[in-house]
Amino acid sequence: MNISSLQFESHTNALLRCLHSNSDLLAHFIYFCFKAKSDKNMNINLKTVKDFPTLCSVEAEPLKKLLCEYEDNIPGKDHKRRVKSDYWYLDALVNHNKHLSNILPRVTYNLKKEDKDIYRWDFEEFTYKGAAYPKQKVFEFIKREYDRQSELLPQIIEEVDLLNAKLFEN
């Protein structure tokens, strides 16, 4: 393994962790916007913040809808359904890398192809919590998930602001 290969793997892993951390940052943002009292024992994640009394009101429906969309509308522990979701693929990939073993991007090549099609970077297939996740092209996967989050996060933040304004106008 040469240095440039190691750098590519390290930078890819760091980018994946950053994308993955957006869920926790988002959950904490919502927690601090709507939770009046701090609870040190609470596990703050998107599931727990979606259950806040504030988010059970009719006014919060657009925000809850966006949060479900952020999780690709697959809540809970349904790992078998999650394999087709980029959000949950990212979750499984990063958690597998953190807790089990690294799934490194693998470079393969085909000399029968031409130009940029000769090389291919993939995450190999893996199993996490009983669900088999398929091989994915690294760049295409990262771009899809980055674009998806880049579209949804500003909408969610705007809905939090709107809901806050409605709650505190009285």
N, C-alpha and C. Protein backbone atom coordinates (compact mmCIF):
# COMPACT_ATOMS: atom_id res chain seq x y z
N MET A 1 0.86 -1.18 0.00
CA MET A 1 0.00 0.00 0.00
C MET A 1 0.90 1.23 0.00
N ASN A 2 0.70 2.11 -0.96
CA ASN A 2 1.52 3.32 -1.01
C ASN A 2 0.84 4.47 -0.28
N ILE A 3 1.59 5.55 -0.11
CA ILE A 3 1.10 6.69 0.66
C ILE A 3 -0.14 7.31 0.04
N SER A 4 -0.16 7.49 -1.29
CA SER A 4 -1.31 8.13 -1.91
C SER A 4 -2.58 7.29 -1.75
N SER A 5 -2.44 5.98 -1.76
CA SER A 5 -3.58 5.10 -1.54
C SER A 5 -4.10 5.26 -0.11
N LEU A 6 -3.18 5.32 0.84
CA LEU A 6 -3.56 5.50 2.23
C LEU A 6 -4.23 6.86 2.45
N GLN A 7 -3.73 7.90 1.78
CA GLN A 7 -4.34 9.22 1.90
C GLN A 7 -5.77 9.20 1.35
N PHE A 8 -5.96 8.56 0.22
CA PHE A 8 -7.29 8.48 -0.37
C PHE A 8 -8.25 7.79 0.59
N GLU A 9 -7.83 6.68 1.17
CA GLU A 9 -8.69 5.94 2.10
C GLU A 9 -8.98 6.77 3.34
N SER A 10 -7.97 7.46 3.85
CA SER A 10 -8.16 8.29 5.05
C SER A 10 -9.11 9.45 4.79
N HIS A 11 -8.91 10.13 3.68
CA HIS A 11 -9.78 11.26 3.36
C HIS A 11 -11.22 10.80 3.09
N THR A 12 -11.36 9.68 2.43
CA THR A 12 -12.70 9.13 2.17
C THR A 12 -13.39 8.80 3.48
N ASN A 13 -12.67 8.14 4.37
CA ASN A 13 -13.24 7.77 5.67
C ASN A 13 -13.61 9.01 6.47
N ALA A 14 -12.77 10.04 6.44
CA ALA A 14 -13.07 11.28 7.16
C ALA A 14 -14.32 11.96 6.60
N LEU A 15 -14.44 12.00 5.27
CA LEU A 15 -15.62 12.60 4.65
C LEU A 15 -16.89 11.83 5.03
N LEU A 16 -16.81 10.51 5.02
CA LEU A 16 -17.97 9.69 5.40
C LEU A 16 -18.38 9.97 6.84
N ARG A 17 -17.41 10.09 7.73
CA ARG A 17 -17.73 10.37 9.13
C ARG A 17 -18.36 11.75 9.30
N CYS A 18 -17.89 12.72 8.51
CA CYS A 18 -18.50 14.06 8.56
C CYS A 18 -19.95 14.01 8.10
N LEU A 19 -20.20 13.33 6.99
CA LEU A 19 -21.58 13.20 6.51
C LEU A 19 -22.45 12.49 7.54
N HIS A 20 -21.89 11.46 8.15
CA HIS A 20 -22.62 10.69 9.16
C HIS A 20 -22.92 11.53 10.40
N SER A 21 -22.00 12.42 10.77
CA SER A 21 -22.19 13.22 11.99
C SER A 21 -23.29 14.27 11.83
N ASN A 22 -23.69 14.57 10.60
CA ASN A 22 -24.76 15.56 10.40
C ASN A 22 -26.05 15.17 11.11
N SER A 23 -26.34 13.88 11.20
CA SER A 23 -27.55 13.43 11.91
C SER A 23 -27.49 13.81 13.38
N ASP A 24 -26.35 13.57 14.00
CA ASP A 24 -26.20 13.91 15.42
C ASP A 24 -26.23 15.41 15.63
N LEU A 25 -25.57 16.15 14.75
CA LEU A 25 -25.58 17.61 14.87
C LEU A 25 -27.00 18.15 14.71
N LEU A 26 -27.72 17.61 13.76
CA LEU A 26 -29.10 18.02 13.52
C LEU A 26 -29.97 17.71 14.74
N ALA A 27 -29.82 16.52 15.29
CA ALA A 27 -30.60 16.14 16.48
C ALA A 27 -30.30 17.07 17.66
N HIS A 28 -29.03 17.39 17.87
CA HIS A 28 -28.67 18.29 18.96
C HIS A 28 -29.20 19.71 18.71
N PHE A 29 -29.14 20.15 17.48
CA PHE A 29 -29.69 21.47 17.12
C PHE A 29 -31.17 21.54 17.48
N ILE A 30 -31.92 20.52 17.09
CA ILE A 30 -33.36 20.49 17.38
C ILE A 30 -33.60 20.36 18.88
N TYR A 31 -32.81 19.54 19.54
CA TYR A 31 -32.93 19.36 20.99
C TYR A 31 -32.80 20.70 21.71
N PHE A 32 -31.75 21.45 21.37
CA PHE A 32 -31.52 22.71 22.07
C PHE A 32 -32.50 23.80 21.66
N CYS A 33 -33.10 23.68 20.50
CA CYS A 33 -34.13 24.65 20.09
C CYS A 33 -35.45 24.43 20.81
N PHE A 34 -35.80 23.17 21.11
CA PHE A 34 -37.15 22.88 21.60
C PHE A 34 -37.21 22.25 22.99
N LYS A 35 -36.14 21.76 23.52
CA LYS A 35 -36.16 21.12 24.83
C LYS A 35 -35.89 22.17 25.90
N ALA A 36 -36.86 22.43 26.73
CA ALA A 36 -36.72 23.48 27.75
C ALA A 36 -35.76 23.07 28.86
N LYS A 37 -35.81 21.80 29.25
CA LYS A 37 -35.01 21.34 30.37
C LYS A 37 -33.96 20.34 29.87
N SER A 38 -32.75 20.47 30.35
CA SER A 38 -31.69 19.56 29.95
C SER A 38 -31.85 18.22 30.67
N ASP A 39 -31.66 17.14 29.95
CA ASP A 39 -31.75 15.80 30.51
C ASP A 39 -30.45 15.07 30.19
N LYS A 40 -29.58 14.93 31.20
CA LYS A 40 -28.26 14.34 30.99
C LYS A 40 -28.32 12.87 30.61
N ASN A 41 -29.41 12.19 30.94
CA ASN A 41 -29.53 10.77 30.65
C ASN A 41 -30.13 10.48 29.28
N MET A 42 -30.56 11.52 28.59
CA MET A 42 -31.23 11.33 27.30
C MET A 42 -30.21 11.04 26.20
N ASN A 43 -30.51 10.03 25.41
CA ASN A 43 -29.72 9.74 24.22
C ASN A 43 -30.30 10.60 23.10
N ILE A 44 -29.56 11.62 22.70
CA ILE A 44 -30.08 12.57 21.72
C ILE A 44 -29.81 12.05 20.32
N ASN A 45 -30.88 11.75 19.60
CA ASN A 45 -30.79 11.34 18.19
C ASN A 45 -32.09 11.77 17.51
N LEU A 46 -32.18 11.54 16.21
CA LEU A 46 -33.37 12.01 15.49
C LEU A 46 -34.65 11.35 15.99
N LYS A 47 -34.57 10.09 16.42
CA LYS A 47 -35.77 9.42 16.92
C LYS A 47 -36.28 10.09 18.20
N THR A 48 -35.38 10.37 19.12
CA THR A 48 -35.82 10.96 20.39
C THR A 48 -36.33 12.39 20.20
N VAL A 49 -35.71 13.16 19.32
CA VAL A 49 -36.20 14.54 19.15
C VAL A 49 -37.53 14.57 18.41
N LYS A 50 -37.78 13.59 17.54
CA LYS A 50 -39.08 13.55 16.83
C LYS A 50 -40.23 13.29 17.80
N ASP A 51 -39.92 12.73 18.98
CA ASP A 51 -40.95 12.43 19.97
C ASP A 51 -41.18 13.57 20.97
N PHE A 52 -40.48 14.69 20.82
CA PHE A 52 -40.71 15.83 21.72
C PHE A 52 -42.16 16.28 21.61
N PRO A 53 -42.76 16.69 22.73
CA PRO A 53 -44.13 17.21 22.69
C PRO A 53 -44.29 18.36 21.68
N THR A 54 -43.28 19.21 21.59
CA THR A 54 -43.33 20.33 20.64
C THR A 54 -43.50 19.85 19.21
N LEU A 55 -42.88 18.71 18.90
CA LEU A 55 -42.93 18.20 17.53
C LEU A 55 -44.15 17.32 17.28
N CYS A 56 -45.02 17.19 18.28
CA CYS A 56 -46.25 16.42 18.09
C CYS A 56 -47.42 17.32 17.73
N SER A 57 -47.17 18.60 17.60
CA SER A 57 -48.25 19.53 17.24
C SER A 57 -48.45 19.57 15.73
N VAL A 58 -49.60 20.06 15.33
CA VAL A 58 -49.92 20.19 13.90
C VAL A 58 -48.92 21.11 13.21
N GLU A 59 -48.50 22.17 13.90
CA GLU A 59 -47.55 23.11 13.32
C GLU A 59 -46.22 22.46 12.98
N ALA A 60 -45.89 21.37 13.67
CA ALA A 60 -44.59 20.71 13.47
C ALA A 60 -44.61 19.67 12.35
N GLU A 61 -45.76 19.42 11.75
CA GLU A 61 -45.85 18.38 10.71
C GLU A 61 -44.85 18.57 9.56
N PRO A 62 -44.69 19.79 9.02
CA PRO A 62 -43.71 19.95 7.93
C PRO A 62 -42.28 19.57 8.37
N LEU A 63 -41.93 19.92 9.60
CA LEU A 63 -40.60 19.57 10.12
C LEU A 63 -40.46 18.06 10.29
N LYS A 64 -41.47 17.43 10.88
CA LYS A 64 -41.41 15.97 11.07
C LYS A 64 -41.33 15.25 9.73
N LYS A 65 -42.05 15.76 8.75
CA LYS A 65 -42.01 15.16 7.41
C LYS A 65 -40.59 15.24 6.82
N LEU A 66 -39.95 16.40 6.98
CA LEU A 66 -38.58 16.56 6.48
C LEU A 66 -37.60 15.66 7.24
N LEU A 67 -37.80 15.50 8.55
CA LEU A 67 -36.92 14.62 9.33
C LEU A 67 -37.07 13.17 8.88
N CYS A 68 -38.30 12.75 8.58
CA CYS A 68 -38.51 11.40 8.06
C CYS A 68 -37.86 11.25 6.69
N GLU A 69 -37.98 12.28 5.86
CA GLU A 69 -37.34 12.24 4.54
C GLU A 69 -35.82 12.18 4.69
N TYR A 70 -35.30 12.89 5.69
CA TYR A 70 -33.85 12.87 5.93
C TYR A 70 -33.38 11.45 6.22
N GLU A 71 -34.21 10.68 6.93
CA GLU A 71 -33.89 9.28 7.23
C GLU A 71 -34.41 8.34 6.15
N ASP A 72 -34.73 8.87 4.99
CA ASP A 72 -35.26 8.09 3.87
C ASP A 72 -36.54 7.34 4.23
N ASN A 73 -37.32 7.88 5.16
CA ASN A 73 -38.61 7.30 5.55
C ASN A 73 -38.52 5.84 5.98
N ILE A 74 -37.39 5.48 6.58
CA ILE A 74 -37.22 4.12 7.10
C ILE A 74 -36.80 4.23 8.56
N PRO A 75 -37.74 4.49 9.48
CA PRO A 75 -37.39 4.60 10.89
C PRO A 75 -37.21 3.23 11.52
N GLY A 76 -36.80 3.24 12.77
CA GLY A 76 -36.73 2.00 13.54
C GLY A 76 -35.55 1.13 13.19
N LYS A 77 -35.72 -0.16 13.40
CA LYS A 77 -34.61 -1.11 13.27
C LYS A 77 -34.76 -2.03 12.06
N ASP A 78 -35.45 -1.60 11.04
CA ASP A 78 -35.69 -2.43 9.86
C ASP A 78 -34.46 -2.44 8.96
N HIS A 79 -33.43 -3.17 9.38
CA HIS A 79 -32.16 -3.18 8.66
C HIS A 79 -32.27 -3.80 7.27
N LYS A 80 -33.18 -4.71 7.08
CA LYS A 80 -33.33 -5.35 5.76
C LYS A 80 -33.83 -4.35 4.72
N ARG A 81 -34.74 -3.44 5.10
CA ARG A 81 -35.23 -2.42 4.16
C ARG A 81 -34.21 -1.32 3.93
N ARG A 82 -33.31 -1.13 4.87
CA ARG A 82 -32.37 -0.02 4.80
C ARG A 82 -31.30 -0.19 3.73
N VAL A 83 -31.09 -1.38 3.23
CA VAL A 83 -29.96 -1.62 2.31
C VAL A 83 -30.09 -0.84 1.01
N LYS A 84 -31.28 -0.37 0.67
CA LYS A 84 -31.47 0.38 -0.57
C LYS A 84 -31.42 1.89 -0.35
N SER A 85 -31.15 2.32 0.85
CA SER A 85 -31.14 3.74 1.20
C SER A 85 -29.71 4.23 1.35
N ASP A 86 -29.37 5.33 0.69
CA ASP A 86 -28.02 5.89 0.85
C ASP A 86 -27.78 6.37 2.28
N TYR A 87 -28.81 6.95 2.91
CA TYR A 87 -28.67 7.43 4.29
C TYR A 87 -28.29 6.27 5.21
N TRP A 88 -29.02 5.17 5.10
CA TRP A 88 -28.77 4.04 5.99
C TRP A 88 -27.54 3.24 5.56
N TYR A 89 -27.21 3.26 4.28
CA TYR A 89 -25.95 2.66 3.83
C TYR A 89 -24.79 3.40 4.50
N LEU A 90 -24.85 4.73 4.50
CA LEU A 90 -23.82 5.54 5.15
C LEU A 90 -23.75 5.20 6.64
N ASP A 91 -24.89 5.11 7.29
CA ASP A 91 -24.95 4.77 8.71
C ASP A 91 -24.30 3.41 8.98
N ALA A 92 -24.66 2.42 8.18
CA ALA A 92 -24.11 1.07 8.37
C ALA A 92 -22.61 1.05 8.07
N LEU A 93 -22.19 1.71 7.00
CA LEU A 93 -20.78 1.72 6.61
C LEU A 93 -19.92 2.37 7.68
N VAL A 94 -20.32 3.54 8.15
CA VAL A 94 -19.52 4.24 9.17
C VAL A 94 -19.52 3.48 10.48
N ASN A 95 -20.67 2.96 10.90
CA ASN A 95 -20.71 2.20 12.16
C ASN A 95 -19.94 0.89 12.05
N HIS A 96 -19.99 0.24 10.90
CA HIS A 96 -19.18 -0.97 10.68
C HIS A 96 -17.70 -0.62 10.80
N ASN A 97 -17.30 0.48 10.17
CA ASN A 97 -15.89 0.91 10.24
C ASN A 97 -15.48 1.27 11.66
N LYS A 98 -16.39 1.88 12.43
CA LYS A 98 -16.06 2.29 13.80
C LYS A 98 -15.99 1.10 14.75
N HIS A 99 -16.93 0.17 14.63
CA HIS A 99 -17.10 -0.84 15.66
C HIS A 99 -16.62 -2.24 15.27
N LEU A 100 -16.52 -2.53 14.00
CA LEU A 100 -16.16 -3.89 13.58
C LEU A 100 -14.82 -3.92 12.84
N SER A 101 -14.84 -3.57 11.59
CA SER A 101 -13.60 -3.52 10.81
C SER A 101 -13.77 -2.55 9.67
N ASN A 102 -12.66 -2.06 9.15
CA ASN A 102 -12.72 -1.07 8.07
C ASN A 102 -13.13 -1.70 6.75
N ILE A 103 -14.05 -1.04 6.10
CA ILE A 103 -14.41 -1.39 4.72
C ILE A 103 -13.77 -0.30 3.87
N LEU A 104 -12.63 -0.61 3.32
CA LEU A 104 -11.86 0.40 2.59
C LEU A 104 -12.30 0.45 1.14
N PRO A 105 -12.21 1.63 0.54
CA PRO A 105 -12.49 1.71 -0.89
C PRO A 105 -11.44 0.90 -1.65
N ARG A 106 -11.89 0.11 -2.57
CA ARG A 106 -10.98 -0.76 -3.32
C ARG A 106 -10.89 -0.27 -4.76
N VAL A 107 -9.66 -0.15 -5.24
CA VAL A 107 -9.42 0.25 -6.62
C VAL A 107 -9.25 -1.01 -7.46
N THR A 108 -10.01 -1.10 -8.53
CA THR A 108 -9.84 -2.19 -9.49
C THR A 108 -9.66 -1.56 -10.86
N TYR A 109 -9.14 -2.34 -11.77
CA TYR A 109 -8.97 -1.81 -13.12
C TYR A 109 -9.27 -2.89 -14.14
N ASN A 110 -9.64 -2.44 -15.31
CA ASN A 110 -9.95 -3.32 -16.43
C ASN A 110 -9.27 -2.75 -17.66
N LEU A 111 -8.24 -3.42 -18.13
CA LEU A 111 -7.46 -2.91 -19.26
C LEU A 111 -8.21 -2.99 -20.58
N LYS A 112 -9.36 -3.63 -20.59
CA LYS A 112 -10.17 -3.67 -21.81
C LYS A 112 -10.97 -2.38 -21.98
N LYS A 113 -11.04 -1.59 -20.92
CA LYS A 113 -11.75 -0.30 -20.97
C LYS A 113 -10.77 0.79 -21.41
N GLU A 114 -11.30 1.99 -21.59
CA GLU A 114 -10.46 3.10 -22.02
C GLU A 114 -10.61 4.29 -21.09
N ASP A 115 -9.57 5.12 -21.07
CA ASP A 115 -9.54 6.38 -20.32
C ASP A 115 -9.94 6.18 -18.86
N LYS A 116 -10.86 7.02 -18.39
CA LYS A 116 -11.24 6.96 -16.97
C LYS A 116 -12.02 5.70 -16.62
N ASP A 117 -12.55 5.00 -17.61
CA ASP A 117 -13.31 3.77 -17.35
C ASP A 117 -12.42 2.59 -16.99
N ILE A 118 -11.11 2.76 -17.13
CA ILE A 118 -10.18 1.67 -16.77
C ILE A 118 -10.25 1.41 -15.27
N TYR A 119 -10.29 2.47 -14.48
CA TYR A 119 -10.26 2.34 -13.02
C TYR A 119 -11.65 2.46 -12.42
N ARG A 120 -11.81 1.78 -11.30
CA ARG A 120 -13.08 1.84 -10.59
C ARG A 120 -12.78 1.79 -9.09
N TRP A 121 -13.40 2.68 -8.32
CA TRP A 121 -13.27 2.68 -6.86
C TRP A 121 -14.61 2.27 -6.28
N ASP A 122 -14.57 1.22 -5.47
CA ASP A 122 -15.80 0.68 -4.88
C ASP A 122 -15.63 0.44 -3.39
N PHE A 123 -16.75 0.55 -2.68
CA PHE A 123 -16.83 -0.04 -1.35
C PHE A 123 -17.32 -1.46 -1.59
N GLU A 124 -16.63 -2.42 -1.02
CA GLU A 124 -17.04 -3.81 -1.19
C GLU A 124 -18.34 -4.07 -0.43
N GLU A 125 -19.03 -5.12 -0.81
CA GLU A 125 -20.25 -5.48 -0.08
C GLU A 125 -19.88 -5.88 1.35
N PHE A 126 -20.83 -5.68 2.26
CA PHE A 126 -20.59 -6.01 3.66
C PHE A 126 -21.93 -6.31 4.34
N THR A 127 -21.85 -6.91 5.51
CA THR A 127 -23.05 -7.21 6.29
C THR A 127 -22.96 -6.45 7.60
N TYR A 128 -24.08 -5.82 7.96
CA TYR A 128 -24.15 -5.09 9.22
C TYR A 128 -25.51 -5.33 9.83
N LYS A 129 -25.51 -5.82 11.07
CA LYS A 129 -26.75 -6.13 11.80
C LYS A 129 -27.68 -7.01 10.99
N GLY A 130 -27.11 -8.01 10.34
CA GLY A 130 -27.90 -9.00 9.61
C GLY A 130 -28.35 -8.59 8.22
N ALA A 131 -28.04 -7.38 7.80
CA ALA A 131 -28.44 -6.91 6.47
C ALA A 131 -27.23 -6.87 5.56
N ALA A 132 -27.40 -7.36 4.35
CA ALA A 132 -26.30 -7.38 3.36
C ALA A 132 -26.35 -6.12 2.52
N TYR A 133 -25.32 -5.31 2.61
CA TYR A 133 -25.22 -4.07 1.84
C TYR A 133 -24.40 -4.33 0.59
N PRO A 134 -24.86 -3.84 -0.56
CA PRO A 134 -24.20 -4.15 -1.83
C PRO A 134 -22.94 -3.32 -2.06
N LYS A 135 -22.16 -3.77 -3.03
CA LYS A 135 -21.01 -3.02 -3.50
C LYS A 135 -21.51 -1.67 -4.04
N GLN A 136 -20.76 -0.61 -3.76
CA GLN A 136 -21.15 0.74 -4.22
C GLN A 136 -19.94 1.43 -4.83
N LYS A 137 -20.16 2.19 -5.88
CA LYS A 137 -19.10 3.04 -6.42
C LYS A 137 -18.89 4.21 -5.46
N VAL A 138 -17.65 4.42 -5.04
CA VAL A 138 -17.34 5.40 -4.00
C VAL A 138 -17.82 6.80 -4.37
N PHE A 139 -17.36 7.33 -5.48
CA PHE A 139 -17.67 8.72 -5.82
C PHE A 139 -19.16 8.94 -6.05
N GLU A 140 -19.80 8.02 -6.73
CA GLU A 140 -21.23 8.18 -7.00
C GLU A 140 -22.04 8.17 -5.71
N PHE A 141 -21.68 7.25 -4.81
CA PHE A 141 -22.39 7.17 -3.53
C PHE A 141 -22.19 8.45 -2.72
N ILE A 142 -20.95 8.89 -2.58
CA ILE A 142 -20.67 10.09 -1.78
C ILE A 142 -21.39 11.30 -2.38
N LYS A 143 -21.37 11.44 -3.68
CA LYS A 143 -22.03 12.58 -4.33
C LYS A 143 -23.54 12.55 -4.09
N ARG A 144 -24.15 11.38 -4.24
CA ARG A 144 -25.60 11.27 -4.01
C ARG A 144 -25.96 11.67 -2.58
N GLU A 145 -25.22 11.12 -1.61
CA GLU A 145 -25.56 11.40 -0.21
C GLU A 145 -25.24 12.85 0.15
N TYR A 146 -24.14 13.37 -0.34
CA TYR A 146 -23.79 14.77 -0.09
C TYR A 146 -24.87 15.70 -0.67
N ASP A 147 -25.26 15.45 -1.90
CA ASP A 147 -26.29 16.27 -2.55
C ASP A 147 -27.63 16.17 -1.81
N ARG A 148 -27.98 14.97 -1.39
CA ARG A 148 -29.25 14.76 -0.67
C ARG A 148 -29.25 15.55 0.64
N GLN A 149 -28.17 15.44 1.40
CA GLN A 149 -28.10 16.17 2.66
C GLN A 149 -28.04 17.68 2.43
N SER A 150 -27.31 18.09 1.40
CA SER A 150 -27.20 19.53 1.09
C SER A 150 -28.54 20.14 0.72
N GLU A 151 -29.41 19.35 0.16
CA GLU A 151 -30.74 19.83 -0.18
C GLU A 151 -31.65 19.86 1.04
N LEU A 152 -31.60 18.83 1.87
CA LEU A 152 -32.54 18.71 2.99
C LEU A 152 -32.17 19.53 4.23
N LEU A 153 -30.89 19.60 4.57
CA LEU A 153 -30.51 20.28 5.81
C LEU A 153 -30.95 21.75 5.86
N PRO A 154 -30.75 22.55 4.82
CA PRO A 154 -31.25 23.93 4.89
C PRO A 154 -32.78 24.01 5.03
N GLN A 155 -33.49 23.09 4.40
CA GLN A 155 -34.96 23.07 4.54
C GLN A 155 -35.37 22.76 5.97
N ILE A 156 -34.67 21.80 6.59
CA ILE A 156 -34.98 21.43 7.97
C ILE A 156 -34.70 22.60 8.91
N ILE A 157 -33.56 23.24 8.74
CA ILE A 157 -33.20 24.38 9.59
C ILE A 157 -34.22 25.51 9.43
N GLU A 158 -34.66 25.74 8.21
CA GLU A 158 -35.68 26.77 7.97
C GLU A 158 -36.99 26.41 8.67
N GLU A 159 -37.39 25.14 8.63
CA GLU A 159 -38.62 24.71 9.32
C GLU A 159 -38.49 24.85 10.83
N VAL A 160 -37.30 24.57 11.38
CA VAL A 160 -37.08 24.77 12.81
C VAL A 160 -37.26 26.24 13.16
N ASP A 161 -36.70 27.12 12.35
CA ASP A 161 -36.85 28.56 12.58
C ASP A 161 -38.31 28.99 12.51
N LEU A 162 -39.04 28.50 11.51
CA LEU A 162 -40.46 28.85 11.37
C LEU A 162 -41.28 28.35 12.56
N LEU A 163 -41.00 27.12 12.98
CA LEU A 163 -41.73 26.56 14.13
C LEU A 163 -41.40 27.34 15.40
N ASN A 164 -40.14 27.68 15.59
CA ASN A 164 -39.75 28.49 16.74
C ASN A 164 -40.48 29.82 16.75
N ALA A 165 -40.57 30.46 15.59
CA ALA A 165 -41.27 31.74 15.48
C ALA A 165 -42.74 31.59 15.85
N LYS A 166 -43.39 30.51 15.38
CA LYS A 166 -44.80 30.27 15.70
C LYS A 166 -44.99 30.04 17.20
N LEU A 167 -44.09 29.28 17.80
CA LEU A 167 -44.23 28.95 19.22
C LEU A 167 -44.03 30.16 20.12
N PHE A 168 -43.16 31.05 19.70
CA PHE A 168 -42.82 32.16 20.59
C PHE A 168 -43.49 33.48 20.21
N GLU A 169 -44.40 33.46 19.23
CA GLU A 169 -45.10 34.69 18.88
C GLU A 169 -46.21 35.01 19.87
N ASN A 170 -46.63 34.02 20.63
CA ASN A 170 -47.71 34.24 21.62
C ASN A 170 -47.18 34.83 22.89
